C-alpha atoms as a PDB file:
ATOM      1  CA  MET A   1     -54.961  35.740 222.909  1.00  0.00           C
ATOM      2  CA  ALA A   2     -52.641  32.769 223.401  1.00  0.00           C
ATOM      3  CA  ASN A   3     -50.111  31.706 220.867  1.00  0.00           C
ATOM      4  CA  PRO A   4     -51.079  28.188 219.565  1.00  0.00           C
ATOM      5  CA  LEU A   5     -47.477  27.350 218.792  1.00  0.00           C
ATOM      6  CA  SER A   6     -46.410  28.234 222.310  1.00  0.00           C
ATOM      7  CA  ASP A   7     -49.239  26.133 223.787  1.00  0.00           C
ATOM      8  CA  LEU A   8     -48.249  23.183 221.649  1.00  0.00           C
ATOM      9  CA  PHE A   9     -44.615  23.540 222.677  1.00  0.00           C
ATOM     10  CA  ASP A  10     -45.604  23.696 226.364  1.00  0.00           C
ATOM     11  CA  LYS A  11     -47.721  20.535 226.033  1.00  0.00           C
ATOM     12  CA  LEU A  12     -44.949  18.664 224.260  1.00  0.00           C
ATOM     13  CA  MET A  13     -42.309  19.657 226.766  1.00  0.00           C
ATOM     14  CA  SER A  14     -44.336  18.971 229.916  1.00  0.00           C
ATOM     15  CA  PRO A  15     -43.148  15.891 231.847  1.00  0.00           C
ATOM     16  CA  VAL A  16     -46.695  14.643 232.309  1.00  0.00           C
ATOM     17  CA  SER A  17     -47.281  14.209 228.600  1.00  0.00           C
ATOM     18  CA  ALA A  18     -43.926  12.471 228.203  1.00  0.00           C
ATOM     19  CA  LEU A  19     -44.802   9.963 230.920  1.00  0.00           C
ATOM     20  CA  SER A  20     -48.328   9.304 229.698  1.00  0.00           C
ATOM     21  CA  GLY A  21     -46.950   7.410 226.703  1.00  0.00           C
ATOM     22  CA  ALA A  22     -44.669   5.396 228.968  1.00  0.00           C
ATOM     23  CA  ASP A  23     -47.669   4.501 231.144  1.00  0.00           C
ATOM     24  CA  ARG A  24     -49.514   3.164 228.127  1.00  0.00           C
ATOM     25  CA  VAL A  25     -46.478   1.134 227.039  1.00  0.00           C
ATOM     26  CA  ALA A  26     -46.043  -0.235 230.558  1.00  0.00           C
ATOM     27  CA  GLY A  27     -49.725  -1.152 230.710  1.00  0.00           C
ATOM     28  CA  THR A  28     -49.506  -2.932 227.374  1.00  0.00           C
ATOM     29  CA  LEU A  29     -46.402  -4.862 228.432  1.00  0.00           C
ATOM     30  CA  ALA A  30     -48.078  -5.839 231.693  1.00  0.00           C
ATOM     31  CA  ALA A  31     -51.124  -7.140 229.823  1.00  0.00           C
ATOM     32  CA  ILE A  32     -48.923  -9.155 227.461  1.00  0.00           C
ATOM     33  CA  SER A  33     -46.942 -10.654 230.330  1.00  0.00           C
ATOM     34  CA  ARG A  34     -50.133 -11.575 232.196  1.00  0.00           C
ATOM     35  CA  THR A  35     -51.339 -13.358 229.078  1.00  0.00           C
ATOM     36  CA  LEU A  36     -48.057 -15.162 228.382  1.00  0.00           C
ATOM     37  CA  PHE A  37     -47.667 -16.415 231.938  1.00  0.00           C
ATOM     38  CA  ASP A  38     -51.282 -17.505 232.391  1.00  0.00           C
ATOM     39  CA  GLY A  39     -50.973 -21.214 233.165  1.00  0.00           C
ATOM     40  CA  LYS A  40     -54.667 -21.942 232.735  1.00  0.00           C
ATOM     41  CA  MET A  41     -54.569 -20.676 229.161  1.00  0.00           C
ATOM     42  CA  TRP A  42     -51.543 -22.826 228.272  1.00  0.00           C
ATOM     43  CA  ARG A  43     -53.116 -25.879 229.916  1.00  0.00           C
ATOM     44  CA  SER A  44     -56.296 -25.376 227.887  1.00  0.00           C
ATOM     45  CA  LEU A  45     -54.303 -24.932 224.683  1.00  0.00           C
ATOM     46  CA  GLY A  46     -52.394 -28.107 225.516  1.00  0.00           C
ATOM     47  CA  TRP A  47     -55.605 -30.100 225.873  1.00  0.00           C
ATOM     48  CA  ILE A  48     -56.915 -28.711 222.590  1.00  0.00           C
ATOM     49  CA  LEU A  49     -53.641 -29.588 220.848  1.00  0.00           C
ATOM     50  CA  LEU A  50     -53.695 -33.108 222.312  1.00  0.00           C
ATOM     51  CA  GLY A  51     -57.264 -33.568 221.104  1.00  0.00           C
ATOM     52  CA  LEU A  52     -56.364 -32.458 217.601  1.00  0.00           C
ATOM     53  CA  VAL A  53     -53.326 -34.774 217.485  1.00  0.00           C
ATOM     54  CA  LEU A  54     -55.386 -37.750 218.673  1.00  0.00           C
ATOM     55  CA  LEU A  55     -58.178 -36.932 216.231  1.00  0.00           C
ATOM     56  CA  LEU A  56     -55.758 -36.634 213.322  1.00  0.00           C
ATOM     57  CA  GLY A  57     -54.017 -39.862 214.342  1.00  0.00           C
ATOM     58  CA  GLY A  58     -57.332 -41.690 214.507  1.00  0.00           C
ATOM     59  CA  VAL A  59     -58.398 -40.460 211.095  1.00  0.00           C
ATOM     60  CA  LEU A  60     -55.038 -41.460 209.600  1.00  0.00           C
ATOM     61  CA  LEU A  61     -55.294 -44.928 211.127  1.00  0.00           C
ATOM     62  CA  LEU A  62     -58.846 -45.269 209.860  1.00  0.00           C
ATOM     63  CA  LEU A  63     -57.839 -44.278 206.334  1.00  0.00           C
ATOM     64  CA  ARG A  64     -54.609 -46.269 206.301  1.00  0.00           C
ATOM     65  CA  LYS A  65     -56.253 -49.705 206.453  1.00  0.00           C
ATOM     66  CA  PRO A  66     -58.425 -49.243 203.337  1.00  0.00           C
ATOM     67  CA  ILE A  67     -55.484 -47.724 201.479  1.00  0.00           C
ATOM     68  CA  GLU A  68     -53.248 -50.688 202.380  1.00  0.00           C
ATOM     69  CA  GLY A  69     -56.002 -53.110 201.333  1.00  0.00           C
ATOM     70  CA  ALA A  70     -56.489 -51.338 198.011  1.00  0.00           C
ATOM     71  CA  ALA A  71     -52.737 -51.204 197.403  1.00  0.00           C
ATOM     72  CA  GLY A  72     -52.415 -54.926 198.171  1.00  0.00           C
ATOM     73  CA  THR A  73     -55.245 -55.743 195.793  1.00  0.00           C
ATOM     74  CA  ALA A  74     -53.721 -53.588 193.062  1.00  0.00           C
ATOM     75  CA  ALA A  75     -50.297 -55.200 193.582  1.00  0.00           C
ATOM     76  CA  LYS A  76     -51.786 -58.696 193.356  1.00  0.00           C
ATOM     77  CA  ALA A  77     -53.679 -57.750 190.190  1.00  0.00           C
ATOM     78  CA  ALA A  78     -50.520 -56.338 188.649  1.00  0.00           C
ATOM     79  CA  LEU A  79     -48.559 -59.488 189.386  1.00  0.00           C
ATOM     80  CA  LEU A  80     -51.155 -61.820 187.896  1.00  0.00           C
END
């Protein structure tokens, strides 16, 4: 009958188990670096950001004219 504590100690001290965690960390870092340096992703995000900025600018311009007209009318009414 094997000693469970001895088996656990052997598994913890084996170099293979120590390197298996490093392999997972290296794989994770490689996946992150592939994602961060993916030019197609950043180009797509840039187009989406440009679209949102243009859309927001258009909506602000559309809303600004009626607001200026209403403010001008209110200012004229206040002065009369």
